[in-house]
Protein backbone atom coordinates (compact mmCIF):
# COMPACT_ATOMS: atom_id res chain seq x y z
CA MET A 1 190.07 -106.02 -114.42
CA ILE A 2 186.63 -107.82 -112.95
CA LEU A 3 185.90 -108.85 -116.76
CA THR A 4 189.92 -109.93 -117.08
CA ILE A 5 188.90 -112.15 -113.92
CA PHE A 6 185.76 -113.06 -115.28
CA LEU A 7 186.21 -114.32 -118.65
CA TYR A 8 190.09 -115.74 -118.00
CA TYR A 9 187.80 -118.78 -115.51
CA PHE A 10 185.27 -119.17 -118.40
CA PHE A 11 187.58 -119.82 -121.03
CA VAL A 12 191.37 -120.71 -119.43
CA ALA A 13 190.72 -124.38 -118.94
CA GLU A 14 189.50 -125.15 -122.24
CA SER A 15 190.24 -124.16 -126.08
CA PHE A 16 189.33 -121.54 -127.03
CA SER A 17 187.20 -122.52 -129.84
CA LEU A 18 184.69 -119.41 -131.42
CA GLU A 19 181.38 -121.36 -130.37
CA PRO A 20 181.84 -122.15 -126.98
CA PHE A 21 182.14 -118.05 -126.90
CA ARG A 22 179.43 -117.26 -128.94
CA ASN A 23 177.36 -119.49 -126.18
CA ALA A 24 178.40 -117.42 -123.05
CA VAL A 25 177.67 -114.76 -124.52
CA ARG A 26 174.67 -115.61 -125.12
CA VAL A 27 173.78 -117.18 -121.97
CA PHE A 28 175.67 -114.64 -120.46
CA ARG A 29 173.08 -111.32 -121.45
CA ASP A 30 170.82 -113.45 -121.30
CA TRP A 31 171.02 -113.54 -117.49
CA LYS A 32 172.17 -110.03 -117.73
CA VAL A 33 175.27 -110.44 -116.65
CA ILE A 34 176.89 -108.89 -119.77
CA GLN A 35 176.20 -106.22 -122.53
CA VAL A 36 176.91 -105.34 -125.57
CA ASP A 37 177.78 -101.87 -126.48
CA ALA A 38 177.09 -100.99 -130.09
CA GLU A 39 180.42 -101.05 -130.87
CA GLY A 40 180.71 -104.85 -130.18
CA GLY A 41 182.46 -104.09 -126.70
CA LEU A 42 181.60 -106.66 -123.41
CA THR A 43 180.83 -105.31 -120.11
CA LEU A 44 179.95 -106.53 -117.12
CA CYS A 45 176.78 -104.83 -116.13
CA ASP A 46 176.62 -102.81 -113.02
CA ALA A 47 175.06 -106.15 -110.86
CA TYR A 48 178.55 -107.73 -111.55
CA ASN A 49 180.52 -104.88 -111.58
CA ASN A 50 182.66 -106.73 -108.07
CA GLU A 51 184.46 -109.20 -107.37
CA ASP A 52 182.23 -110.86 -104.77
CA ALA A 53 179.64 -110.99 -107.20
CA VAL A 54 181.14 -112.58 -109.73
CA PHE A 55 182.86 -115.07 -107.34
CA ASP A 56 179.27 -115.67 -106.57
CA LEU A 57 178.43 -116.36 -109.56
CA ILE A 58 182.03 -118.56 -110.75
CA GLU A 59 180.92 -120.49 -107.51
CA LYS A 60 177.69 -121.07 -108.65
CA ILE A 61 178.45 -122.14 -111.98
CA SER A 62 181.37 -124.23 -111.83
CA GLN A 63 179.39 -126.56 -109.75
CA PHE A 64 177.98 -127.72 -113.43
CA LYS A 65 181.40 -128.02 -114.33
CA LEU A 66 183.48 -131.02 -114.17
């Protein structure tokens, strides 16, 4: 559920093309926000597995959105 909120916020206003998604996955992996399991599935890291942490991250990133 939290991952759904997270992904919805970042991609609902954008056209959903593959390259921005790949870039976001790369950045969020580097920031240790998400992890990719052995089967290629995305999960949130423990530090972001609650709504407050996700909304704090959304607020931080939204400063850069136009």
